[in-house]
Amino acid sequence: NMGAIAGWNSANVYQQAIARIADAIDAN
C-alpha cells in the first residue's frame, strides 16, 4: 500500500523535524 508507506515516511520526517527543533530550542 503506497499510501501507508507515504504516511509512515512523512511521520518519520516530521519526527526528525521535531527533534531538530527541540535541539535548536535547547541550544538557546
PDB file of N, CA and C in Angstrom:
ATOM      1  N   ASN A   1       0.857  -1.197   0.000  1.00  0.00           N
ATOM      2  CA  ASN A   1       0.000   0.000   0.000  1.00  0.00           C
ATOM      3  C   ASN A   1       0.890   1.244   0.000  1.00  0.00           C
ATOM      4  N   MET A   2       0.943   1.943  -1.125  1.00  0.00           N
ATOM      5  CA  MET A   2       1.820   3.113  -1.242  1.00  0.00           C
ATOM      6  C   MET A   2       1.387   4.232  -0.295  1.00  0.00           C
ATOM      7  N   GLY A   3       0.088   4.347  -0.050  1.00  0.00           N
ATOM      8  CA  GLY A   3      -0.395   5.389   0.860  1.00  0.00           C
ATOM      9  C   GLY A   3       0.133   5.180   2.273  1.00  0.00           C
ATOM     10  N   ALA A   4       0.162   3.924   2.717  1.00  0.00           N
ATOM     11  CA  ALA A   4       0.665   3.630   4.060  1.00  0.00           C
ATOM     12  C   ALA A   4       2.153   3.940   4.148  1.00  0.00           C
ATOM     13  N   ILE A   5       2.894   3.597   3.089  1.00  0.00           N
ATOM     14  CA  ILE A   5       4.331   3.880   3.072  1.00  0.00           C
ATOM     15  C   ILE A   5       4.562   5.389   3.100  1.00  0.00           C
ATOM     16  N   ALA A   6       3.820   6.133   2.303  1.00  0.00           N
ATOM     17  CA  ALA A   6       3.969   7.588   2.268  1.00  0.00           C
ATOM     18  C   ALA A   6       3.615   8.190   3.630  1.00  0.00           C
ATOM     19  N   GLY A   7       2.589   7.682   4.269  1.00  0.00           N
ATOM     20  CA  GLY A   7       2.189   8.183   5.582  1.00  0.00           C
ATOM     21  C   GLY A   7       3.261   7.923   6.627  1.00  0.00           C
ATOM     22  N   TRP A   8       3.843   6.716   6.608  1.00  0.00           N
ATOM     23  CA  TRP A   8       4.912   6.399   7.559  1.00  0.00           C
ATOM     24  C   TRP A   8       6.123   7.275   7.297  1.00  0.00           C
ATOM     25  N   ASN A   9       6.433   7.488   6.020  1.00  0.00           N
ATOM     26  CA  ASN A   9       7.601   8.293   5.665  1.00  0.00           C
ATOM     27  C   ASN A   9       7.415   9.727   6.137  1.00  0.00           C
ATOM     28  N   SER A  10       6.237  10.319   5.932  1.00  0.00           N
ATOM     29  CA  SER A  10       6.055  11.693   6.390  1.00  0.00           C
ATOM     30  C   SER A  10       6.061  11.768   7.903  1.00  0.00           C
ATOM     31  N   ALA A  11       5.563  10.736   8.586  1.00  0.00           N
ATOM     32  CA  ALA A  11       5.610  10.726  10.047  1.00  0.00           C
ATOM     33  C   ALA A  11       7.060  10.691  10.519  1.00  0.00           C
ATOM     34  N   ASN A  12       7.895   9.916   9.818  1.00  0.00           N
ATOM     35  CA  ASN A  12       9.308   9.819  10.174  1.00  0.00           C
ATOM     36  C   ASN A  12       9.999  11.160   9.965  1.00  0.00           C
ATOM     37  N   VAL A  13       9.723  11.811   8.835  1.00  0.00           N
ATOM     38  CA  VAL A  13      10.320  13.123   8.551  1.00  0.00           C
ATOM     39  C   VAL A  13       9.855  14.143   9.589  1.00  0.00           C
ATOM     40  N   TYR A  14       8.561  14.094   9.935  1.00  0.00           N
ATOM     41  CA  TYR A  14       8.001  15.014  10.929  1.00  0.00           C
ATOM     42  C   TYR A  14       8.689  14.825  12.278  1.00  0.00           C
ATOM     43  N   GLN A  15       8.914  13.552  12.650  1.00  0.00           N
ATOM     44  CA  GLN A  15       9.560  13.255  13.923  1.00  0.00           C
ATOM     45  C   GLN A  15      10.987  13.797  13.940  1.00  0.00           C
ATOM     46  N   GLN A  16      11.698  13.659  12.816  1.00  0.00           N
ATOM     47  CA  GLN A  16      13.057  14.196  12.732  1.00  0.00           C
ATOM     48  C   GLN A  16      13.036  15.715  12.837  1.00  0.00           C
ATOM     49  N   ALA A  17      12.049  16.350  12.205  1.00  0.00           N
ATOM     50  CA  ALA A  17      11.944  17.812  12.273  1.00  0.00           C
ATOM     51  C   ALA A  17      11.707  18.259  13.714  1.00  0.00           C
ATOM     52  N   ILE A  18      10.846  17.552  14.435  1.00  0.00           N
ATOM     53  CA  ILE A  18      10.584  17.885  15.838  1.00  0.00           C
ATOM     54  C   ILE A  18      11.866  17.767  16.654  1.00  0.00           C
ATOM     55  N   ALA A  19      12.649  16.714  16.393  1.00  0.00           N
ATOM     56  CA  ALA A  19      13.898  16.524  17.126  1.00  0.00           C
ATOM     57  C   ALA A  19      14.859  17.674  16.856  1.00  0.00           C
ATOM     58  N   ARG A  20      14.931  18.118  15.605  1.00  0.00           N
ATOM     59  CA  ARG A  20      15.830  19.233  15.269  1.00  0.00           C
ATOM     60  C   ARG A  20      15.358  20.526  15.910  1.00  0.00           C
ATOM     61  N   ILE A  21      14.051  20.755  15.917  1.00  0.00           N
ATOM     62  CA  ILE A  21      13.512  21.961  16.552  1.00  0.00           C
ATOM     63  C   ILE A  21      13.799  21.915  18.057  1.00  0.00           C
ATOM     64  N   ALA A  22      13.632  20.755  18.672  1.00  0.00           N
ATOM     65  CA  ALA A  22      13.913  20.610  20.101  1.00  0.00           C
ATOM     66  C   ALA A  22      15.383  20.902  20.381  1.00  0.00           C
ATOM     67  N   ASP A  23      16.274  20.421  19.516  1.00  0.00           N
ATOM     68  CA  ASP A  23      17.704  20.708  19.679  1.00  0.00           C
ATOM     69  C   ASP A  23      17.954  22.206  19.587  1.00  0.00           C
ATOM     70  N   ALA A  24      17.305  22.871  18.649  1.00  0.00           N
ATOM     71  CA  ALA A  24      17.503  24.309  18.471  1.00  0.00           C
ATOM     72  C   ALA A  24      17.008  25.072  19.704  1.00  0.00           C
ATOM     73  N   ILE A  25      15.889  24.634  20.262  1.00  0.00           N
ATOM     74  CA  ILE A  25      15.357  25.284  21.464  1.00  0.00           C
ATOM     75  C   ILE A  25      16.320  25.066  22.635  1.00  0.00           C
ATOM     76  N   ASP A  26      16.834  23.849  22.772  1.00  0.00           N
ATOM     77  CA  ASP A  26      17.759  23.552  23.865  1.00  0.00           C
ATOM     78  C   ASP A  26      19.042  24.366  23.739  1.00  0.00           C
ATOM     79  N   ALA A  27      19.432  24.684  22.505  1.00  0.00           N
ATOM     80  CA  ALA A  27      20.676  25.424  22.282  1.00  0.00           C
ATOM     81  C   ALA A  27      20.538  26.872  22.729  1.00  0.00           C
ATOM     82  N   ASN A  28      19.307  27.385  22.776  1.00  0.00           N
ATOM     83  CA  ASN A  28      19.125  28.803  23.108  1.00  0.00           C
ATOM     84  C   ASN A  28      19.108  29.029  24.616  1.00  0.00           C
TER      85      ASN A  28
END
